[in-house]
PDB file of N, CA and C in Angstrom:
ATOM      1  N   UNK A   1       0.621  -1.111  -0.229  1.00  0.00           N
ATOM      2  CA  UNK A   1      -0.181  -0.028   0.141  1.00  0.00           C
ATOM      3  C   UNK A   1       1.138   1.314  -0.236  1.00  0.00           C
ATOM      4  N   UNK A   2       0.993   2.430  -0.520  1.00  0.00           N
ATOM      5  CA  UNK A   2       1.498   3.355  -0.913  1.00  0.00           C
ATOM      6  C   UNK A   2       1.120   4.361   0.190  1.00  0.00           C
ATOM      7  N   UNK A   3       1.626   5.078   0.429  1.00  0.00           N
ATOM      8  CA  UNK A   3       1.925   6.103   1.297  1.00  0.00           C
ATOM      9  C   UNK A   3       0.939   7.466   0.827  1.00  0.00           C
ATOM     10  N   UNK A   4      -0.150   8.021   2.080  1.00  0.00           N
ATOM     11  CA  UNK A   4      -1.035   8.980   1.124  1.00  0.00           C
ATOM     12  C   UNK A   4       0.163  10.731   1.402  1.00  0.00           C
ATOM     13  N   UNK A   5      -0.496  11.434   0.058  1.00  0.00           N
ATOM     14  CA  UNK A   5       0.561  12.710   0.445  1.00  0.00           C
ATOM     15  C   UNK A   5       0.608  13.522   1.593  1.00  0.00           C
ATOM     16  N   UNK A   6       1.007  14.486   1.665  1.00  0.00           N
ATOM     17  CA  UNK A   6       1.143  15.211   3.120  1.00  0.00           C
ATOM     18  C   UNK A   6       0.175  15.825   2.944  1.00  0.00           C
ATOM     19  N   UNK A   7      -0.744  16.354   3.782  1.00  0.00           N
ATOM     20  CA  UNK A   7      -1.779  17.132   3.951  1.00  0.00           C
ATOM     21  C   UNK A   7      -1.252  18.500   4.811  1.00  0.00           C
ATOM     22  N   UNK A   8      -2.103  19.508   4.274  1.00  0.00           N
ATOM     23  CA  UNK A   8      -1.849  20.807   4.580  1.00  0.00           C
ATOM     24  C   UNK A   8      -2.448  20.562   5.896  1.00  0.00           C
ATOM     25  N   UNK A   9      -2.011  21.126   7.432  1.00  0.00           N
ATOM     26  CA  UNK A   9      -2.815  21.701   8.505  1.00  0.00           C
ATOM     27  C   UNK A   9      -2.518  22.870   8.832  1.00  0.00           C
ATOM     28  N   UNK A  10      -3.400  23.739   9.085  1.00  0.00           N
ATOM     29  CA  UNK A  10      -3.720  24.848   9.825  1.00  0.00           C
ATOM     30  C   UNK A  10      -3.985  24.958  11.151  1.00  0.00           C
ATOM     31  N   UNK A  11      -3.587  25.908  11.934  1.00  0.00           N
ATOM     32  CA  UNK A  11      -4.413  26.620  13.133  1.00  0.00           C
ATOM     33  C   UNK A  11      -4.821  27.894  13.582  1.00  0.00           C
ATOM     34  N   UNK A  12      -6.350  27.654  13.746  1.00  0.00           N
ATOM     35  CA  UNK A  12      -7.199  29.103  13.526  1.00  0.00           C
ATOM     36  C   UNK A  12      -7.763  29.288  15.138  1.00  0.00           C
ATOM     37  N   UNK A  13      -8.816  30.212  14.863  1.00  0.00           N
ATOM     38  CA  UNK A  13     -10.182  30.179  15.971  1.00  0.00           C
ATOM     39  C   UNK A  13     -11.480  29.990  15.347  1.00  0.00           C
ATOM     40  N   UNK A  14     -11.613  29.499  16.252  1.00  0.00           N
ATOM     41  CA  UNK A  14     -13.151  29.247  15.905  1.00  0.00           C
ATOM     42  C   UNK A  14     -14.355  30.037  15.664  1.00  0.00           C
ATOM     43  N   UNK A  15     -15.052  30.956  14.632  1.00  0.00           N
ATOM     44  CA  UNK A  15     -15.798  31.874  14.571  1.00  0.00           C
ATOM     45  C   UNK A  15     -17.185  31.575  14.308  1.00  0.00           C
ATOM     46  N   UNK A  16     -17.878  30.531  13.795  1.00  0.00           N
ATOM     47  CA  UNK A  16     -19.342  30.436  14.063  1.00  0.00           C
ATOM     48  C   UNK A  16     -19.268  28.821  14.237  1.00  0.00           C
ATOM     49  N   UNK A  17     -19.966  28.145  14.848  1.00  0.00           N
ATOM     50  CA  UNK A  17     -20.219  27.164  15.275  1.00  0.00           C
ATOM     51  C   UNK A  17     -21.860  26.841  14.874  1.00  0.00           C
ATOM     52  N   UNK A  18     -22.707  27.430  14.309  1.00  0.00           N
ATOM     53  CA  UNK A  18     -24.073  27.952  13.737  1.00  0.00           C
ATOM     54  C   UNK A  18     -24.575  26.271  12.880  1.00  0.00           C
ATOM     55  N   UNK A  19     -23.710  25.852  11.814  1.00  0.00           N
ATOM     56  CA  UNK A  19     -24.057  25.007  11.661  1.00  0.00           C
ATOM     57  C   UNK A  19     -24.065  23.453  11.986  1.00  0.00           C
ATOM     58  N   UNK A  20     -25.136  22.884  11.599  1.00  0.00           N
ATOM     59  CA  UNK A  20     -24.806  21.337  12.472  1.00  0.00           C
ATOM     60  C   UNK A  20     -23.472  19.963  11.094  1.00  0.00           C
ATOM     61  N   UNK A  21     -22.593  20.319  12.527  1.00  0.00           N
ATOM     62  CA  UNK A  21     -21.381  19.612  12.314  1.00  0.00           C
ATOM     63  C   UNK A  21     -20.484  20.140  11.090  1.00  0.00           C
ATOM     64  N   UNK A  22     -20.099  21.734  11.163  1.00  0.00           N
ATOM     65  CA  UNK A  22     -19.635  22.445  10.095  1.00  0.00           C
ATOM     66  C   UNK A  22     -19.161  23.410  11.133  1.00  0.00           C
ATOM     67  N   UNK A  23     -17.855  24.305  11.282  1.00  0.00           N
ATOM     68  CA  UNK A  23     -17.560  25.209  12.147  1.00  0.00           C
ATOM     69  C   UNK A  23     -16.556  25.946  11.194  1.00  0.00           C
ATOM     70  N   UNK A  24     -16.681  27.259  10.934  1.00  0.00           N
ATOM     71  CA  UNK A  24     -15.899  28.491  10.376  1.00  0.00           C
ATOM     72  C   UNK A  24     -15.211  28.247  11.369  1.00  0.00           C
ATOM     73  N   UNK A  25     -13.687  28.444  11.099  1.00  0.00           N
ATOM     74  CA  UNK A  25     -12.214  28.447  11.114  1.00  0.00           C
ATOM     75  C   UNK A  25     -11.807  29.715  10.836  1.00  0.00           C
ATOM     76  N   UNK A  26     -11.459  30.690  11.036  1.00  0.00           N
ATOM     77  CA  UNK A  26     -10.553  31.675  11.197  1.00  0.00           C
ATOM     78  C   UNK A  26      -8.978  31.708  11.209  1.00  0.00           C
ATOM     79  N   UNK A  27      -8.178  31.856  10.096  1.00  0.00           N
ATOM     80  CA  UNK A  27      -6.873  31.792  10.080  1.00  0.00           C
ATOM     81  C   UNK A  27      -5.776  33.329  10.320  1.00  0.00           C
ATOM     82  N   UNK A  28      -5.454  33.746  10.945  1.00  0.00           N
ATOM     83  CA  UNK A  28      -5.224  34.666  10.558  1.00  0.00           C
ATOM     84  C   UNK A  28      -3.281  35.341  10.358  1.00  0.00           C
ATOM     85  N   UNK A  29      -2.673  36.070   9.426  1.00  0.00           N
ATOM     86  CA  UNK A  29      -1.714  36.112   8.520  1.00  0.00           C
ATOM     87  C   UNK A  29      -0.947  37.328   8.874  1.00  0.00           C
ATOM     88  N   UNK A  30       0.293  37.240   9.182  1.00  0.00           N
ATOM     89  CA  UNK A  30       0.533  38.722   8.854  1.00  0.00           C
ATOM     90  C   UNK A  30       1.536  38.510   7.379  1.00  0.00           C
ATOM     91  N   UNK A  31       0.971  39.449   6.332  1.00  0.00           N
ATOM     92  CA  UNK A  31       1.744  39.353   5.602  1.00  0.00           C
ATOM     93  C   UNK A  31       2.414  40.552   5.282  1.00  0.00           C
ATOM     94  N   UNK A  32       3.625  41.206   4.850  1.00  0.00           N
ATOM     95  CA  UNK A  32       4.154  42.046   4.144  1.00  0.00           C
ATOM     96  C   UNK A  32       3.951  42.272   2.679  1.00  0.00           C
ATOM     97  N   UNK A  33       3.681  43.985   2.800  1.00  0.00           N
ATOM     98  CA  UNK A  33       2.790  44.431   1.347  1.00  0.00           C
ATOM     99  C   UNK A  33       4.248  44.657   0.603  1.00  0.00           C
ATOM    100  N   UNK A  34       4.015  44.277  -0.668  1.00  0.00           N
ATOM    101  CA  UNK A  34       5.401  43.933  -1.595  1.00  0.00           C
ATOM    102  C   UNK A  34       5.771  45.295  -1.763  1.00  0.00           C
ATOM    103  N   UNK A  35       5.390  46.394  -2.125  1.00  0.00           N
ATOM    104  CA  UNK A  35       5.422  48.110  -2.434  1.00  0.00           C
ATOM    105  C   UNK A  35       5.878  48.510  -1.286  1.00  0.00           C
ATOM    106  N   UNK A  36       4.838  48.586  -0.133  1.00  0.00           N
ATOM    107  CA  UNK A  36       5.291  49.723   0.832  1.00  0.00           C
ATOM    108  C   UNK A  36       5.884  49.270   1.945  1.00  0.00           C
ATOM    109  N   UNK A  37       5.749  47.641   2.054  1.00  0.00           N
ATOM    110  CA  UNK A  37       6.207  47.001   3.123  1.00  0.00           C
ATOM    111  C   UNK A  37       5.937  46.980   4.556  1.00  0.00           C
ATOM    112  N   UNK A  38       4.424  47.579   4.741  1.00  0.00           N
ATOM    113  CA  UNK A  38       3.929  47.831   5.692  1.00  0.00           C
ATOM    114  C   UNK A  38       3.397  46.343   5.973  1.00  0.00           C
ATOM    115  N   UNK A  39       3.025  45.607   7.444  1.00  0.00           N
ATOM    116  CA  UNK A  39       2.504  44.555   7.545  1.00  0.00           C
ATOM    117  C   UNK A  39       1.407  44.553   8.160  1.00  0.00           C
ATOM    118  N   UNK A  40       0.420  43.720   7.228  1.00  0.00           N
ATOM    119  CA  UNK A  40      -1.049  43.607   7.100  1.00  0.00           C
ATOM    120  C   UNK A  40      -1.242  42.545   7.427  1.00  0.00           C
ATOM    121  N   UNK A  41      -2.759  42.415   8.509  1.00  0.00           N
ATOM    122  CA  UNK A  41      -3.055  41.326   8.569  1.00  0.00           C
ATOM    123  C   UNK A  41      -4.170  40.686   7.862  1.00  0.00           C
ATOM    124  N   UNK A  42      -3.727  39.396   7.686  1.00  0.00           N
ATOM    125  CA  UNK A  42      -5.000  38.844   6.492  1.00  0.00           C
ATOM    126  C   UNK A  42      -5.838  38.113   6.843  1.00  0.00           C
ATOM    127  N   UNK A  43      -7.297  37.611   6.791  1.00  0.00           N
ATOM    128  CA  UNK A  43      -7.475  36.586   7.791  1.00  0.00           C
ATOM    129  C   UNK A  43      -8.716  35.792   6.342  1.00  0.00           C
ATOM    130  N   UNK A  44      -7.962  34.749   6.878  1.00  0.00           N
ATOM    131  CA  UNK A  44      -9.017  33.463   5.816  1.00  0.00           C
ATOM    132  C   UNK A  44      -9.890  32.988   6.568  1.00  0.00           C
ATOM    133  N   UNK A  45     -10.882  32.802   6.506  1.00  0.00           N
ATOM    134  CA  UNK A  45     -12.153  31.767   6.473  1.00  0.00           C
ATOM    135  C   UNK A  45     -11.867  30.598   5.778  1.00  0.00           C
ATOM    136  N   UNK A  46     -11.971  29.648   6.783  1.00  0.00           N
ATOM    137  CA  UNK A  46     -12.171  28.142   5.985  1.00  0.00           C
ATOM    138  C   UNK A  46     -13.333  26.944   7.070  1.00  0.00           C
ATOM    139  N   UNK A  47     -14.758  26.316   5.939  1.00  0.00           N
ATOM    140  CA  UNK A  47     -15.388  25.885   6.742  1.00  0.00           C
ATOM    141  C   UNK A  47     -14.637  24.786   6.726  1.00  0.00           C
ATOM    142  N   UNK A  48     -15.099  23.875   8.458  1.00  0.00           N
ATOM    143  CA  UNK A  48     -14.361  22.779   8.484  1.00  0.00           C
ATOM    144  C   UNK A  48     -15.199  21.731   9.124  1.00  0.00           C
ATOM    145  N   UNK A  49     -15.471  20.297   8.888  1.00  0.00           N
ATOM    146  CA  UNK A  49     -15.805  19.145   9.494  1.00  0.00           C
ATOM    147  C   UNK A  49     -15.652  19.296  10.865  1.00  0.00           C
ATOM    148  N   UNK A  50     -17.095  19.217  11.730  1.00  0.00           N
ATOM    149  CA  UNK A  50     -16.686  18.658  13.191  1.00  0.00           C
ATOM    150  C   UNK A  50     -17.539  17.780  13.526  1.00  0.00           C
ATOM    151  N   UNK A  51     -17.483  15.953  13.479  1.00  0.00           N
ATOM    152  CA  UNK A  51     -18.099  15.594  13.555  1.00  0.00           C
ATOM    153  C   UNK A  51     -19.147  15.289  15.016  1.00  0.00           C
ATOM    154  N   UNK A  52     -18.784  15.468  15.876  1.00  0.00           N
ATOM    155  CA  UNK A  52     -19.511  15.671  17.375  1.00  0.00           C
ATOM    156  C   UNK A  52     -19.671  16.414  17.726  1.00  0.00           C
ATOM    157  N   UNK A  53     -19.613  17.860  16.722  1.00  0.00           N
ATOM    158  CA  UNK A  53     -19.861  18.966  17.441  1.00  0.00           C
ATOM    159  C   UNK A  53     -19.461  19.685  18.431  1.00  0.00           C
ATOM    160  N   UNK A  54     -17.940  19.135  18.731  1.00  0.00           N
ATOM    161  CA  UNK A  54     -17.276  19.298  19.843  1.00  0.00           C
ATOM    162  C   UNK A  54     -17.153  20.607  20.279  1.00  0.00           C
ATOM    163  N   UNK A  55     -16.735  21.786  19.101  1.00  0.00           N
ATOM    164  CA  UNK A  55     -15.700  23.082  18.699  1.00  0.00           C
ATOM    165  C   UNK A  55     -17.189  23.838  19.163  1.00  0.00           C
ATOM    166  N   UNK A  56     -16.933  24.725  19.728  1.00  0.00           N
ATOM    167  CA  UNK A  56     -17.737  26.059  20.250  1.00  0.00           C
ATOM    168  C   UNK A  56     -17.076  27.086  20.095  1.00  0.00           C
ATOM    169  N   UNK A  57     -17.312  28.787  19.964  1.00  0.00           N
ATOM    170  CA  UNK A  57     -16.658  29.820  19.313  1.00  0.00           C
ATOM    171  C   UNK A  57     -15.820  30.201  20.257  1.00  0.00           C
ATOM    172  N   UNK A  58     -15.269  30.646  19.733  1.00  0.00           N
ATOM    173  CA  UNK A  58     -13.615  30.659  20.603  1.00  0.00           C
ATOM    174  C   UNK A  58     -12.795  29.888  20.627  1.00  0.00           C
ATOM    175  N   UNK A  59     -12.828  28.590  20.263  1.00  0.00           N
ATOM    176  CA  UNK A  59     -11.358  27.256  20.529  1.00  0.00           C
ATOM    177  C   UNK A  59     -10.926  27.178  19.666  1.00  0.00           C
ATOM    178  N   UNK A  60      -9.361  27.354  19.965  1.00  0.00           N
ATOM    179  CA  UNK A  60      -8.621  27.514  18.982  1.00  0.00           C
ATOM    180  C   UNK A  60      -8.224  25.761  19.242  1.00  0.00           C
ATOM    181  N   UNK A  61      -8.665  25.526  17.388  1.00  0.00           N
ATOM    182  CA  UNK A  61      -8.207  24.487  16.798  1.00  0.00           C
ATOM    183  C   UNK A  61      -7.405  24.245  15.738  1.00  0.00           C
ATOM    184  N   UNK A  62      -7.033  22.796  15.320  1.00  0.00           N
ATOM    185  CA  UNK A  62      -6.011  22.583  14.009  1.00  0.00           C
ATOM    186  C   UNK A  62      -7.270  21.563  13.083  1.00  0.00           C
ATOM    187  N   UNK A  63      -6.623  21.812  12.184  1.00  0.00           N
ATOM    188  CA  UNK A  63      -7.709  21.701  10.854  1.00  0.00           C
ATOM    189  C   UNK A  63      -6.948  20.826  10.267  1.00  0.00           C
ATOM    190  N   UNK A  64      -7.325  20.197   8.969  1.00  0.00           N
ATOM    191  CA  UNK A  64      -6.300  19.478   8.392  1.00  0.00           C
ATOM    192  C   UNK A  64      -7.314  19.005   6.644  1.00  0.00           C
ATOM    193  N   UNK A  65      -6.691  19.718   5.688  1.00  0.00           N
ATOM    194  CA  UNK A  65      -6.686  18.956   4.532  1.00  0.00           C
ATOM    195  C   UNK A  65      -7.309  17.876   3.940  1.00  0.00           C
ATOM    196  N   UNK A  66      -8.667  17.883   3.461  1.00  0.00           N
ATOM    197  CA  UNK A  66      -9.502  16.197   3.293  1.00  0.00           C
ATOM    198  C   UNK A  66     -10.156  16.730   1.732  1.00  0.00           C
ATOM    199  N   UNK A  67     -10.978  15.370   1.619  1.00  0.00           N
ATOM    200  CA  UNK A  67     -11.344  15.660   0.219  1.00  0.00           C
ATOM    201  C   UNK A  67     -12.958  16.246   0.378  1.00  0.00           C
ATOM    202  N   UNK A  68     -13.188  17.131  -0.660  1.00  0.00           N
ATOM    203  CA  UNK A  68     -14.658  17.490  -0.919  1.00  0.00           C
ATOM    204  C   UNK A  68     -15.675  17.290   0.155  1.00  0.00           C
ATOM    205  N   UNK A  69     -16.431  17.566   1.176  1.00  0.00           N
ATOM    206  CA  UNK A  69     -17.367  17.034   1.823  1.00  0.00           C
ATOM    207  C   UNK A  69     -18.768  17.720   1.006  1.00  0.00           C
ATOM    208  N   UNK A  70     -18.341  18.708   0.858  1.00  0.00           N
ATOM    209  CA  UNK A  70     -19.747  19.103   0.579  1.00  0.00           C
ATOM    210  C   UNK A  70     -19.365  20.368  -0.278  1.00  0.00           C
ATOM    211  N   UNK A  71     -20.217  21.457  -0.990  1.00  0.00           N
ATOM    212  CA  UNK A  71     -20.018  22.867  -1.900  1.00  0.00           C
ATOM    213  C   UNK A  71     -17.949  23.124  -1.132  1.00  0.00           C
ATOM    214  N   UNK A  72     -18.538  23.700   0.213  1.00  0.00           N
ATOM    215  CA  UNK A  72     -17.331  24.632   0.579  1.00  0.00           C
ATOM    216  C   UNK A  72     -16.050  23.903   1.972  1.00  0.00           C
ATOM    217  N   UNK A  73     -16.728  22.768   2.236  1.00  0.00           N
ATOM    218  CA  UNK A  73     -16.344  22.088   2.865  1.00  0.00           C
ATOM    219  C   UNK A  73     -14.858  21.656   2.758  1.00  0.00           C
ATOM    220  N   UNK A  74     -13.798  21.496   2.790  1.00  0.00           N
ATOM    221  CA  UNK A  74     -12.611  20.906   2.459  1.00  0.00           C
ATOM    222  C   UNK A  74     -11.440  20.379   3.375  1.00  0.00           C
ATOM    223  N   UNK A  75     -11.989  20.687   4.788  1.00  0.00           N
ATOM    224  CA  UNK A  75     -10.761  20.505   5.888  1.00  0.00           C
ATOM    225  C   UNK A  75     -11.918  20.113   6.827  1.00  0.00           C
ATOM    226  N   UNK A  76     -11.014  19.564   8.238  1.00  0.00           N
ATOM    227  CA  UNK A  76     -11.593  18.761   9.173  1.00  0.00           C
ATOM    228  C   UNK A  76     -10.903  18.880  10.482  1.00  0.00           C
ATOM    229  N   UNK A  77     -11.821  19.468  11.494  1.00  0.00           N
ATOM    230  CA  UNK A  77     -11.104  19.637  12.716  1.00  0.00           C
ATOM    231  C   UNK A  77     -10.022  17.709  12.980  1.00  0.00           C
ATOM    232  N   UNK A  78      -8.749  18.137  13.137  1.00  0.00           N
ATOM    233  CA  UNK A  78      -8.041  16.755  14.299  1.00  0.00           C
ATOM    234  C   UNK A  78      -7.671  17.300  15.359  1.00  0.00           C
ATOM    235  N   UNK A  79      -8.031  18.276  15.875  1.00  0.00           N
ATOM    236  CA  UNK A  79      -7.491  18.728  17.444  1.00  0.00           C
ATOM    237  C   UNK A  79      -8.447  20.159  17.833  1.00  0.00           C
ATOM    238  N   UNK A  80      -9.245  19.807  19.401  1.00  0.00           N
ATOM    239  CA  UNK A  80      -9.102  21.042  20.118  1.00  0.00           C
ATOM    240  C   UNK A  80      -7.821  21.801  20.533  1.00  0.00           C
ATOM    241  N   UNK A  81      -7.197  22.569  20.446  1.00  0.00           N
ATOM    242  CA  UNK A  81      -5.918  22.852  20.978  1.00  0.00           C
ATOM    243  C   UNK A  81      -6.420  23.482  22.685  1.00  0.00           C
ATOM    244  N   UNK A  82      -7.128  24.519  22.502  1.00  0.00           N
ATOM    245  CA  UNK A  82      -7.525  24.996  23.883  1.00  0.00           C
ATOM    246  C   UNK A  82      -8.881  25.451  23.673  1.00  0.00           C
ATOM    247  N   UNK A  83      -9.871  25.003  24.910  1.00  0.00           N
ATOM    248  CA  UNK A  83     -11.279  25.550  25.038  1.00  0.00           C
ATOM    249  C   UNK A  83     -11.567  26.857  24.733  1.00  0.00           C
ATOM    250  N   UNK A  84     -12.582  27.331  24.869  1.00  0.00           N
ATOM    251  CA  UNK A  84     -12.881  29.043  25.298  1.00  0.00           C
ATOM    252  C   UNK A  84     -12.972  29.344  26.095  1.00  0.00           C
ATOM    253  N   UNK A  85     -13.453  30.175  27.156  1.00  0.00           N
ATOM    254  CA  UNK A  85     -13.512  30.367  28.707  1.00  0.00           C
ATOM    255  C   UNK A  85     -15.198  30.651  28.901  1.00  0.00           C
TER     256      UNK A  85
END
């Protein structure tokens, strides 16, 4: 059996858990503007599969790339790093 390809993993914060078995995870990144050299905060939001509905808003989670699960979902939650207070 051949090995799977390496999958991307990201760490972000859950910003919405209103859907069933789905959470929206925001991943913040600091990038330098190519011309003006100013540091800009860039936020990307991903919909991730949460099978047991364990995540809540404010949790820090790790997500991993996976096969397409729906129209927008291409990620799944692998671990909850810290729970929200």
